[in-house]
All heavy atoms as atom14 arrays in JSON, in Angstrom:
{
  "sequence": "CRSIAVTWRPVPGADQYILSRSVLPDGPYQQIAATAETIYPDTGLMPN",
  "atom14_mask": [
    [1, 1, 1, 1, 1, 1, 0, 0, 0, 0, 0, 0, 0, 0],
    [1, 1, 1, 1, 1, 1, 1, 1, 1, 1, 1, 0, 0, 0],
    [1, 1, 1, 1, 1, 1, 0, 0, 0, 0, 0, 0, 0, 0],
    [1, 1, 1, 1, 1, 1, 1, 1, 0, 0, 0, 0, 0, 0],
    [1, 1, 1, 1, 1, 0, 0, 0, 0, 0, 0, 0, 0, 0],
    [1, 1, 1, 1, 1, 1, 1, 0, 0, 0, 0, 0, 0, 0],
    [1, 1, 1, 1, 1, 1, 1, 0, 0, 0, 0, 0, 0, 0],
    [1, 1, 1, 1, 1, 1, 1, 1, 1, 1, 1, 1, 1, 1],
    [1, 1, 1, 1, 1, 1, 1, 1, 1, 1, 1, 0, 0, 0],
    [1, 1, 1, 1, 1, 1, 1, 0, 0, 0, 0, 0, 0, 0],
    [1, 1, 1, 1, 1, 1, 1, 0, 0, 0, 0, 0, 0, 0],
    [1, 1, 1, 1, 1, 1, 1, 0, 0, 0, 0, 0, 0, 0],
    [1, 1, 1, 1, 0, 0, 0, 0, 0, 0, 0, 0, 0, 0],
    [1, 1, 1, 1, 1, 0, 0, 0, 0, 0, 0, 0, 0, 0],
    [1, 1, 1, 1, 1, 1, 1, 1, 0, 0, 0, 0, 0, 0],
    [1, 1, 1, 1, 1, 1, 1, 1, 1, 0, 0, 0, 0, 0],
    [1, 1, 1, 1, 1, 1, 1, 1, 1, 1, 1, 1, 0, 0],
    [1, 1, 1, 1, 1, 1, 1, 1, 0, 0, 0, 0, 0, 0],
    [1, 1, 1, 1, 1, 1, 1, 1, 0, 0, 0, 0, 0, 0],
    [1, 1, 1, 1, 1, 1, 0, 0, 0, 0, 0, 0, 0, 0],
    [1, 1, 1, 1, 1, 1, 1, 1, 1, 1, 1, 0, 0, 0],
    [1, 1, 1, 1, 1, 1, 0, 0, 0, 0, 0, 0, 0, 0],
    [1, 1, 1, 1, 1, 1, 1, 0, 0, 0, 0, 0, 0, 0],
    [1, 1, 1, 1, 1, 1, 1, 1, 0, 0, 0, 0, 0, 0],
    [1, 1, 1, 1, 1, 1, 1, 0, 0, 0, 0, 0, 0, 0],
    [1, 1, 1, 1, 1, 1, 1, 1, 0, 0, 0, 0, 0, 0],
    [1, 1, 1, 1, 0, 0, 0, 0, 0, 0, 0, 0, 0, 0],
    [1, 1, 1, 1, 1, 1, 1, 0, 0, 0, 0, 0, 0, 0],
    [1, 1, 1, 1, 1, 1, 1, 1, 1, 1, 1, 1, 0, 0],
    [1, 1, 1, 1, 1, 1, 1, 1, 1, 0, 0, 0, 0, 0],
    [1, 1, 1, 1, 1, 1, 1, 1, 1, 0, 0, 0, 0, 0],
    [1, 1, 1, 1, 1, 1, 1, 1, 0, 0, 0, 0, 0, 0],
    [1, 1, 1, 1, 1, 0, 0, 0, 0, 0, 0, 0, 0, 0],
    [1, 1, 1, 1, 1, 0, 0, 0, 0, 0, 0, 0, 0, 0],
    [1, 1, 1, 1, 1, 1, 1, 0, 0, 0, 0, 0, 0, 0],
    [1, 1, 1, 1, 1, 0, 0, 0, 0, 0, 0, 0, 0, 0],
    [1, 1, 1, 1, 1, 1, 1, 1, 1, 0, 0, 0, 0, 0],
    [1, 1, 1, 1, 1, 1, 1, 0, 0, 0, 0, 0, 0, 0],
    [1, 1, 1, 1, 1, 1, 1, 1, 0, 0, 0, 0, 0, 0],
    [1, 1, 1, 1, 1, 1, 1, 1, 1, 1, 1, 1, 0, 0],
    [1, 1, 1, 1, 1, 1, 1, 0, 0, 0, 0, 0, 0, 0],
    [1, 1, 1, 1, 1, 1, 1, 1, 0, 0, 0, 0, 0, 0],
    [1, 1, 1, 1, 1, 1, 1, 0, 0, 0, 0, 0, 0, 0],
    [1, 1, 1, 1, 0, 0, 0, 0, 0, 0, 0, 0, 0, 0],
    [1, 1, 1, 1, 1, 1, 1, 1, 0, 0, 0, 0, 0, 0],
    [1, 1, 1, 1, 1, 1, 1, 1, 0, 0, 0, 0, 0, 0],
    [1, 1, 1, 1, 1, 1, 1, 0, 0, 0, 0, 0, 0, 0],
    [1, 1, 1, 1, 1, 1, 1, 1, 0, 0, 0, 0, 0, 0]
  ],
  "atom14_positions": [
    [[107.93, 142.97, 24.82], [107.93, 142.94, 26.28], [106.63, 142.42, 26.85], [106.55, 142.13, 28.06], [108.22, 144.35, 26.83], [106.9, 145.54, 26.45], [0.0, 0.0, 0.0], [0.0, 0.0, 0.0], [0.0, 0.0, 0.0], [0.0, 0.0, 0.0], [0.0, 0.0, 0.0], [0.0, 0.0, 0.0], [0.0, 0.0, 0.0], [0.0, 0.0, 0.0]],
    [[105.6, 142.26, 26.01], [104.3, 141.8, 26.51], [103.71, 140.63, 25.71], [102.55, 140.27, 25.91], [103.31, 142.97, 26.49], [103.67, 144.08, 27.48], [102.55, 145.1, 27.61], [102.89, 146.12, 28.57], [102.71, 146.01, 29.89], [102.21, 144.88, 30.39], [103.04, 147.0, 30.69], [0.0, 0.0, 0.0], [0.0, 0.0, 0.0], [0.0, 0.0, 0.0]],
    [[104.5, 140.02, 24.83], [103.94, 138.91, 24.03], [105.01, 137.85, 23.73], [106.18, 138.17, 23.58], [103.35, 139.43, 22.72], [104.35, 140.04, 21.93], [0.0, 0.0, 0.0], [0.0, 0.0, 0.0], [0.0, 0.0, 0.0], [0.0, 0.0, 0.0], [0.0, 0.0, 0.0], [0.0, 0.0, 0.0], [0.0, 0.0, 0.0], [0.0, 0.0, 0.0]],
    [[104.55, 136.6, 23.65], [105.38, 135.45, 23.33], [104.62, 134.6, 22.3], [103.41, 134.36, 22.46], [105.7, 134.6, 24.58], [106.61, 135.39, 25.53], [106.35, 133.27, 24.19], [106.88, 134.67, 26.83], [0.0, 0.0, 0.0], [0.0, 0.0, 0.0], [0.0, 0.0, 0.0], [0.0, 0.0, 0.0], [0.0, 0.0, 0.0], [0.0, 0.0, 0.0]],
    [[105.31, 134.16, 21.25], [104.71, 133.26, 20.25], [105.05, 131.82, 20.6], [106.22, 131.48, 20.8], [105.22, 133.6, 18.86], [0.0, 0.0, 0.0], [0.0, 0.0, 0.0], [0.0, 0.0, 0.0], [0.0, 0.0, 0.0], [0.0, 0.0, 0.0], [0.0, 0.0, 0.0], [0.0, 0.0, 0.0], [0.0, 0.0, 0.0], [0.0, 0.0, 0.0]],
    [[104.01, 130.96, 20.7], [104.19, 129.54, 21.0], [103.8, 128.75, 19.74], [102.7, 128.94, 19.2], [103.34, 129.11, 22.2], [103.65, 127.66, 22.57], [103.59, 130.02, 23.39], [0.0, 0.0, 0.0], [0.0, 0.0, 0.0], [0.0, 0.0, 0.0], [0.0, 0.0, 0.0], [0.0, 0.0, 0.0], [0.0, 0.0, 0.0], [0.0, 0.0, 0.0]],
    [[104.66, 127.86, 19.28], [104.41, 127.06, 18.07], [104.71, 125.6, 18.35], [105.46, 125.26, 19.28], [105.27, 127.53, 16.89], [106.64, 127.39, 17.23], [104.99, 128.99, 16.55], [0.0, 0.0, 0.0], [0.0, 0.0, 0.0], [0.0, 0.0, 0.0], [0.0, 0.0, 0.0], [0.0, 0.0, 0.0], [0.0, 0.0, 0.0], [0.0, 0.0, 0.0]],
    [[104.12, 124.7, 17.55], [104.35, 123.26, 17.7], [104.01, 122.55, 16.39], [103.35, 123.11, 15.51], [103.51, 122.68, 18.84], [102.03, 122.93, 18.68], [101.11, 122.13, 18.08], [101.31, 124.09, 19.13], [99.86, 122.7, 18.12], [99.95, 123.9, 18.77], [101.67, 125.28, 19.81], [98.96, 124.84, 19.06], [100.68, 126.2, 20.1], [99.35, 125.98, 19.73]],
    [[104.49, 121.33, 16.27], [104.18, 120.52, 15.09], [102.82, 119.84, 15.25], [102.41, 119.52, 16.37], [105.26, 119.45, 14.88], [106.51, 119.95, 14.21], [107.37, 118.8, 13.76], [108.51, 119.24, 12.99], [109.37, 118.43, 12.42], [109.2, 117.12, 12.53], [110.39, 118.9, 11.73], [0.0, 0.0, 0.0], [0.0, 0.0, 0.0], [0.0, 0.0, 0.0]],
    [[102.12, 119.59, 14.12], [100.83, 118.89, 14.22], [101.0, 117.49, 14.79], [102.01, 116.82, 14.55], [100.34, 118.83, 12.77], [101.12, 119.89, 12.05], [102.44, 119.97, 12.73], [0.0, 0.0, 0.0], [0.0, 0.0, 0.0], [0.0, 0.0, 0.0], [0.0, 0.0, 0.0], [0.0, 0.0, 0.0], [0.0, 0.0, 0.0], [0.0, 0.0, 0.0]],
    [[100.0, 117.05, 15.53], [99.97, 115.7, 16.08], [98.99, 114.87, 15.25], [97.82, 115.26, 15.1], [99.53, 115.7, 17.56], [99.38, 114.27, 18.08], [100.54, 116.47, 18.41], [0.0, 0.0, 0.0], [0.0, 0.0, 0.0], [0.0, 0.0, 0.0], [0.0, 0.0, 0.0], [0.0, 0.0, 0.0], [0.0, 0.0, 0.0], [0.0, 0.0, 0.0]],
    [[99.4, 113.73, 14.64], [98.48, 112.92, 13.83], [97.23, 112.53, 14.63], [97.32, 112.04, 15.74], [99.31, 111.69, 13.46], [100.73, 112.15, 13.55], [100.75, 113.15, 14.67], [0.0, 0.0, 0.0], [0.0, 0.0, 0.0], [0.0, 0.0, 0.0], [0.0, 0.0, 0.0], [0.0, 0.0, 0.0], [0.0, 0.0, 0.0], [0.0, 0.0, 0.0]],
    [[96.07, 112.79, 14.04], [94.8, 112.42, 14.68], [94.24, 113.47, 15.6], [93.08, 113.35, 16.02], [0.0, 0.0, 0.0], [0.0, 0.0, 0.0], [0.0, 0.0, 0.0], [0.0, 0.0, 0.0], [0.0, 0.0, 0.0], [0.0, 0.0, 0.0], [0.0, 0.0, 0.0], [0.0, 0.0, 0.0], [0.0, 0.0, 0.0], [0.0, 0.0, 0.0]],
    [[95.0, 114.51, 15.93], [94.5, 115.54, 16.84], [93.57, 116.48, 16.11], [93.83, 116.89, 14.98], [95.66, 116.29, 17.46], [0.0, 0.0, 0.0], [0.0, 0.0, 0.0], [0.0, 0.0, 0.0], [0.0, 0.0, 0.0], [0.0, 0.0, 0.0], [0.0, 0.0, 0.0], [0.0, 0.0, 0.0], [0.0, 0.0, 0.0], [0.0, 0.0, 0.0]],
    [[92.45, 116.85, 16.77], [91.54, 117.84, 16.19], [91.53, 119.13, 17.0], [90.87, 120.1, 16.62], [90.12, 117.27, 16.08], [89.69, 116.54, 17.34], [89.91, 117.07, 18.44], [89.13, 115.44, 17.2], [0.0, 0.0, 0.0], [0.0, 0.0, 0.0], [0.0, 0.0, 0.0], [0.0, 0.0, 0.0], [0.0, 0.0, 0.0], [0.0, 0.0, 0.0]],
    [[92.25, 119.16, 18.12], [92.32, 120.37, 18.94], [93.55, 120.29, 19.85], [94.06, 119.2, 20.13], [91.04, 120.53, 19.78], [90.9, 121.9, 20.43], [89.61, 122.01, 21.23], [89.26, 121.08, 21.96], [88.91, 123.12, 21.09], [0.0, 0.0, 0.0], [0.0, 0.0, 0.0], [0.0, 0.0, 0.0], [0.0, 0.0, 0.0], [0.0, 0.0, 0.0]],
    [[94.01, 121.47, 20.3], [95.16, 121.54, 21.2], [94.8, 122.44, 22.39], [94.17, 123.5, 22.22], [96.39, 122.11, 20.49], [96.8, 121.3, 19.27], [96.35, 121.66, 18.0], [97.62, 120.19, 19.38], [96.7, 120.92, 16.89], [97.99, 119.45, 18.28], [97.52, 119.82, 17.03], [97.88, 119.09, 15.92], [0.0, 0.0, 0.0], [0.0, 0.0, 0.0]],
    [[95.22, 122.03, 23.59], [95.03, 122.81, 24.81], [96.4, 123.34, 25.24], [97.32, 122.54, 25.5], [94.4, 121.97, 25.94], [93.06, 121.4, 25.49], [94.23, 122.82, 27.2], [92.02, 122.44, 25.14], [0.0, 0.0, 0.0], [0.0, 0.0, 0.0], [0.0, 0.0, 0.0], [0.0, 0.0, 0.0], [0.0, 0.0, 0.0], [0.0, 0.0, 0.0]],
    [[96.53, 124.67, 25.31], [97.79, 125.3, 25.72], [97.62, 125.88, 27.13], [96.66, 126.61, 27.39], [98.17, 126.4, 24.74], [99.52, 127.08, 24.98], [100.66, 126.09, 24.8], [99.7, 128.29, 24.05], [0.0, 0.0, 0.0], [0.0, 0.0, 0.0], [0.0, 0.0, 0.0], [0.0, 0.0, 0.0], [0.0, 0.0, 0.0], [0.0, 0.0, 0.0]],
    [[98.57, 125.53, 28.01], [98.53, 126.01, 29.4], [99.81, 126.79, 29.7], [100.86, 126.53, 29.1], [98.4, 124.83, 30.36], [97.21, 124.1, 30.1], [0.0, 0.0, 0.0], [0.0, 0.0, 0.0], [0.0, 0.0, 0.0], [0.0, 0.0, 0.0], [0.0, 0.0, 0.0], [0.0, 0.0, 0.0], [0.0, 0.0, 0.0], [0.0, 0.0, 0.0]],
    [[99.71, 127.71, 30.7], [100.84, 128.59, 31.01], [101.04, 128.69, 32.52], [100.09, 128.58, 33.3], [100.58, 129.98, 30.43], [101.7, 130.99, 30.62], [101.27, 132.35, 30.13], [100.2, 132.89, 30.96], [99.3, 133.79, 30.53], [99.36, 134.23, 29.27], [98.39, 134.24, 31.33], [0.0, 0.0, 0.0], [0.0, 0.0, 0.0], [0.0, 0.0, 0.0]],
    [[102.32, 128.92, 32.88], [102.66, 129.13, 34.3], [103.89, 130.02, 34.37], [104.64, 130.16, 33.39], [102.95, 127.78, 34.99], [103.38, 127.99, 36.32], [0.0, 0.0, 0.0], [0.0, 0.0, 0.0], [0.0, 0.0, 0.0], [0.0, 0.0, 0.0], [0.0, 0.0, 0.0], [0.0, 0.0, 0.0], [0.0, 0.0, 0.0], [0.0, 0.0, 0.0]],
    [[104.1, 130.64, 35.54], [105.32, 131.41, 35.77], [106.36, 130.6, 36.51], [107.46, 131.1, 36.78], [104.99, 132.72, 36.53], [104.15, 133.65, 35.66], [104.3, 132.41, 37.84], [0.0, 0.0, 0.0], [0.0, 0.0, 0.0], [0.0, 0.0, 0.0], [0.0, 0.0, 0.0], [0.0, 0.0, 0.0], [0.0, 0.0, 0.0], [0.0, 0.0, 0.0]],
    [[106.02, 129.33, 36.85], [106.95, 128.42, 37.5], [107.07, 127.16, 36.66], [106.07, 126.69, 36.08], [106.47, 128.08, 38.91], [106.37, 129.25, 39.9], [105.74, 128.78, 41.2], [107.75, 129.86, 40.15], [0.0, 0.0, 0.0], [0.0, 0.0, 0.0], [0.0, 0.0, 0.0], [0.0, 0.0, 0.0], [0.0, 0.0, 0.0], [0.0, 0.0, 0.0]],
    [[108.23, 126.55, 36.58], [108.4, 125.35, 35.74], [107.51, 124.19, 36.18], [107.08, 123.39, 35.34], [109.88, 125.01, 35.88], [110.4, 125.83, 36.98], [109.49, 126.98, 37.19], [0.0, 0.0, 0.0], [0.0, 0.0, 0.0], [0.0, 0.0, 0.0], [0.0, 0.0, 0.0], [0.0, 0.0, 0.0], [0.0, 0.0, 0.0], [0.0, 0.0, 0.0]],
    [[107.25, 124.07, 37.5], [106.42, 122.96, 37.99], [104.96, 123.36, 38.2], [104.18, 122.58, 38.73], [107.0, 122.42, 39.3], [108.38, 121.82, 39.1], [108.62, 121.27, 38.0], [109.21, 121.92, 40.02], [0.0, 0.0, 0.0], [0.0, 0.0, 0.0], [0.0, 0.0, 0.0], [0.0, 0.0, 0.0], [0.0, 0.0, 0.0], [0.0, 0.0, 0.0]],
    [[104.61, 124.53, 37.78], [103.22, 124.94, 37.88], [102.91, 125.7, 39.15], [103.84, 126.09, 39.88], [0.0, 0.0, 0.0], [0.0, 0.0, 0.0], [0.0, 0.0, 0.0], [0.0, 0.0, 0.0], [0.0, 0.0, 0.0], [0.0, 0.0, 0.0], [0.0, 0.0, 0.0], [0.0, 0.0, 0.0], [0.0, 0.0, 0.0], [0.0, 0.0, 0.0]],
    [[101.63, 125.95, 39.38], [100.49, 125.41, 38.64], [100.3, 126.05, 37.26], [100.64, 127.2, 37.07], [99.31, 125.73, 39.54], [99.72, 126.97, 40.24], [101.2, 126.86, 40.48], [0.0, 0.0, 0.0], [0.0, 0.0, 0.0], [0.0, 0.0, 0.0], [0.0, 0.0, 0.0], [0.0, 0.0, 0.0], [0.0, 0.0, 0.0], [0.0, 0.0, 0.0]],
    [[99.76, 125.24, 36.3], [99.49, 125.71, 34.94], [98.01, 126.0, 34.77], [97.15, 125.27, 35.29], [99.93, 124.65, 33.92], [101.42, 124.57, 33.73], [102.22, 123.81, 34.59], [102.04, 125.26, 32.69], [103.6, 123.74, 34.41], [103.41, 125.19, 32.51], [104.18, 124.43, 33.37], [105.54, 124.37, 33.18], [0.0, 0.0, 0.0], [0.0, 0.0, 0.0]],
    [[97.74, 127.05, 34.02], [96.36, 127.43, 33.7], [96.17, 127.43, 32.19], [97.04, 127.87, 31.44], [96.04, 128.82, 34.27], [95.98, 128.88, 35.78], [95.57, 130.25, 36.27], [95.65, 131.24, 35.53], [95.12, 130.33, 37.51], [0.0, 0.0, 0.0], [0.0, 0.0, 0.0], [0.0, 0.0, 0.0], [0.0, 0.0, 0.0], [0.0, 0.0, 0.0]],
    [[94.99, 126.92, 31.78], [94.7, 126.88, 30.35], [94.53, 128.29, 29.82], [93.8, 129.1, 30.39], [93.43, 126.07, 30.08], [93.04, 126.03, 28.6], [91.79, 125.21, 28.36], [91.55, 124.21, 29.04], [90.98, 125.62, 27.39], [0.0, 0.0, 0.0], [0.0, 0.0, 0.0], [0.0, 0.0, 0.0], [0.0, 0.0, 0.0], [0.0, 0.0, 0.0]],
    [[95.18, 128.59, 28.71], [95.05, 129.91, 28.1], [94.48, 129.85, 26.68], [94.07, 130.88, 26.14], [96.41, 130.63, 28.06], [97.43, 129.82, 27.24], [96.92, 130.91, 29.47], [98.73, 130.57, 26.99], [0.0, 0.0, 0.0], [0.0, 0.0, 0.0], [0.0, 0.0, 0.0], [0.0, 0.0, 0.0], [0.0, 0.0, 0.0], [0.0, 0.0, 0.0]],
    [[94.43, 128.65, 26.07], [93.9, 128.56, 24.71], [93.45, 127.14, 24.41], [94.03, 126.17, 24.92], [94.94, 129.0, 23.69], [0.0, 0.0, 0.0], [0.0, 0.0, 0.0], [0.0, 0.0, 0.0], [0.0, 0.0, 0.0], [0.0, 0.0, 0.0], [0.0, 0.0, 0.0], [0.0, 0.0, 0.0], [0.0, 0.0, 0.0], [0.0, 0.0, 0.0]],
    [[92.4, 127.04, 23.58], [91.96, 125.78, 22.96], [91.81, 126.08, 21.48], [90.93, 126.84, 21.07], [90.64, 125.3, 23.56], [0.0, 0.0, 0.0], [0.0, 0.0, 0.0], [0.0, 0.0, 0.0], [0.0, 0.0, 0.0], [0.0, 0.0, 0.0], [0.0, 0.0, 0.0], [0.0, 0.0, 0.0], [0.0, 0.0, 0.0], [0.0, 0.0, 0.0]],
    [[92.68, 125.52, 20.66], [92.76, 125.91, 19.26], [93.06, 124.71, 18.38], [93.62, 123.71, 18.84], [93.84, 126.98, 19.06], [93.95, 127.29, 17.67], [95.2, 126.48, 19.55], [0.0, 0.0, 0.0], [0.0, 0.0, 0.0], [0.0, 0.0, 0.0], [0.0, 0.0, 0.0], [0.0, 0.0, 0.0], [0.0, 0.0, 0.0], [0.0, 0.0, 0.0]],
    [[92.66, 124.83, 17.12], [93.01, 123.8, 16.13], [94.25, 124.19, 15.35], [94.75, 123.4, 14.54], [91.84, 123.59, 15.17], [0.0, 0.0, 0.0], [0.0, 0.0, 0.0], [0.0, 0.0, 0.0], [0.0, 0.0, 0.0], [0.0, 0.0, 0.0], [0.0, 0.0, 0.0], [0.0, 0.0, 0.0], [0.0, 0.0, 0.0], [0.0, 0.0, 0.0]],
    [[94.77, 125.39, 15.6], [95.98, 125.86, 14.92], [97.22, 125.29, 15.61], [97.14, 124.7, 16.69], [96.03, 127.39, 14.91], [94.81, 128.05, 14.29], [94.63, 127.69, 12.83], [95.67, 127.49, 12.16], [93.48, 127.63, 12.36], [0.0, 0.0, 0.0], [0.0, 0.0, 0.0], [0.0, 0.0, 0.0], [0.0, 0.0, 0.0], [0.0, 0.0, 0.0]],
    [[98.37, 125.52, 14.99], [99.64, 125.07, 15.58], [100.52, 126.26, 15.94], [101.75, 126.13, 16.0], [100.37, 124.13, 14.6], [100.55, 124.82, 13.36], [99.58, 122.86, 14.38], [0.0, 0.0, 0.0], [0.0, 0.0, 0.0], [0.0, 0.0, 0.0], [0.0, 0.0, 0.0], [0.0, 0.0, 0.0], [0.0, 0.0, 0.0], [0.0, 0.0, 0.0]],
    [[99.9, 127.39, 16.18], [100.61, 128.59, 16.64], [99.66, 129.4, 17.51], [98.44, 129.44, 17.25], [101.12, 129.43, 15.44], [101.92, 130.63, 15.95], [99.97, 129.86, 14.54], [102.63, 131.4, 14.83], [0.0, 0.0, 0.0], [0.0, 0.0, 0.0], [0.0, 0.0, 0.0], [0.0, 0.0, 0.0], [0.0, 0.0, 0.0], [0.0, 0.0, 0.0]],
    [[100.22, 130.01, 18.57], [99.38, 130.83, 19.44], [100.2, 132.03, 19.91], [101.27, 131.87, 20.52], [98.89, 130.04, 20.64], [98.01, 130.86, 21.56], [96.7, 131.13, 21.22], [98.52, 131.39, 22.76], [95.89, 131.9, 22.05], [97.72, 132.15, 23.6], [96.4, 132.41, 23.23], [95.59, 133.17, 24.05], [0.0, 0.0, 0.0], [0.0, 0.0, 0.0]],
    [[99.71, 133.27, 19.67], [100.38, 134.46, 20.18], [99.85, 134.8, 21.59], [98.69, 135.17, 21.74], [100.02, 135.53, 19.16], [98.71, 135.08, 18.59], [98.67, 133.58, 18.69], [0.0, 0.0, 0.0], [0.0, 0.0, 0.0], [0.0, 0.0, 0.0], [0.0, 0.0, 0.0], [0.0, 0.0, 0.0], [0.0, 0.0, 0.0], [0.0, 0.0, 0.0]],
    [[100.69, 134.64, 22.6], [100.29, 134.92, 23.97], [100.62, 136.38, 24.28], [101.79, 136.8, 24.25], [101.03, 133.99, 24.93], [100.47, 134.02, 26.34], [99.35, 134.56, 26.51], [101.14, 133.5, 27.25], [0.0, 0.0, 0.0], [0.0, 0.0, 0.0], [0.0, 0.0, 0.0], [0.0, 0.0, 0.0], [0.0, 0.0, 0.0], [0.0, 0.0, 0.0]],
    [[99.6, 137.18, 24.57], [99.77, 138.63, 24.75], [99.34, 139.06, 26.14], [98.8, 138.27, 26.93], [98.96, 139.38, 23.69], [97.57, 139.03, 23.83], [99.43, 139.03, 22.28], [0.0, 0.0, 0.0], [0.0, 0.0, 0.0], [0.0, 0.0, 0.0], [0.0, 0.0, 0.0], [0.0, 0.0, 0.0], [0.0, 0.0, 0.0], [0.0, 0.0, 0.0]],
    [[99.56, 140.35, 26.43], [99.19, 140.91, 27.72], [100.06, 140.44, 28.86], [99.61, 140.37, 30.02], [0.0, 0.0, 0.0], [0.0, 0.0, 0.0], [0.0, 0.0, 0.0], [0.0, 0.0, 0.0], [0.0, 0.0, 0.0], [0.0, 0.0, 0.0], [0.0, 0.0, 0.0], [0.0, 0.0, 0.0], [0.0, 0.0, 0.0], [0.0, 0.0, 0.0]],
    [[101.32, 140.15, 28.59], [102.23, 139.61, 29.59], [103.01, 140.74, 30.27], [102.99, 141.91, 29.85], [103.19, 138.61, 28.94], [102.54, 137.47, 28.15], [103.59, 136.6, 27.5], [101.62, 136.65, 29.05], [0.0, 0.0, 0.0], [0.0, 0.0, 0.0], [0.0, 0.0, 0.0], [0.0, 0.0, 0.0], [0.0, 0.0, 0.0], [0.0, 0.0, 0.0]],
    [[103.72, 140.37, 31.32], [104.56, 141.32, 32.04], [105.96, 141.36, 31.41], [106.49, 140.31, 31.01], [104.68, 140.91, 33.51], [103.36, 140.94, 34.27], [102.69, 142.62, 34.39], [103.94, 143.38, 35.45], [0.0, 0.0, 0.0], [0.0, 0.0, 0.0], [0.0, 0.0, 0.0], [0.0, 0.0, 0.0], [0.0, 0.0, 0.0], [0.0, 0.0, 0.0]],
    [[106.57, 142.57, 31.36], [107.92, 142.65, 30.79], [108.94, 141.91, 31.67], [108.76, 141.76, 32.86], [108.2, 144.16, 30.76], [106.85, 144.81, 30.83], [105.99, 143.89, 31.65], [0.0, 0.0, 0.0], [0.0, 0.0, 0.0], [0.0, 0.0, 0.0], [0.0, 0.0, 0.0], [0.0, 0.0, 0.0], [0.0, 0.0, 0.0], [0.0, 0.0, 0.0]],
    [[110.01, 141.46, 31.01], [111.15, 140.84, 31.69], [110.7, 139.71, 32.64], [111.16, 139.6, 33.76], [111.94, 141.89, 32.46], [113.33, 141.39, 32.84], [113.89, 140.53, 32.18], [113.87, 141.92, 33.92], [0.0, 0.0, 0.0], [0.0, 0.0, 0.0], [0.0, 0.0, 0.0], [0.0, 0.0, 0.0], [0.0, 0.0, 0.0], [0.0, 0.0, 0.0]]
  ]
}
């Protein structure tokens, strides 16, 4: 109820990924992570 796992495939040549989040499909989006991994556990969210 408070976490979502976000995953993606590696991009050739990429050394970092910026993940952004919003509660609306058109935004606004805010950056929540800068990582070299291809998975991010987003926690501390609101239920439902």
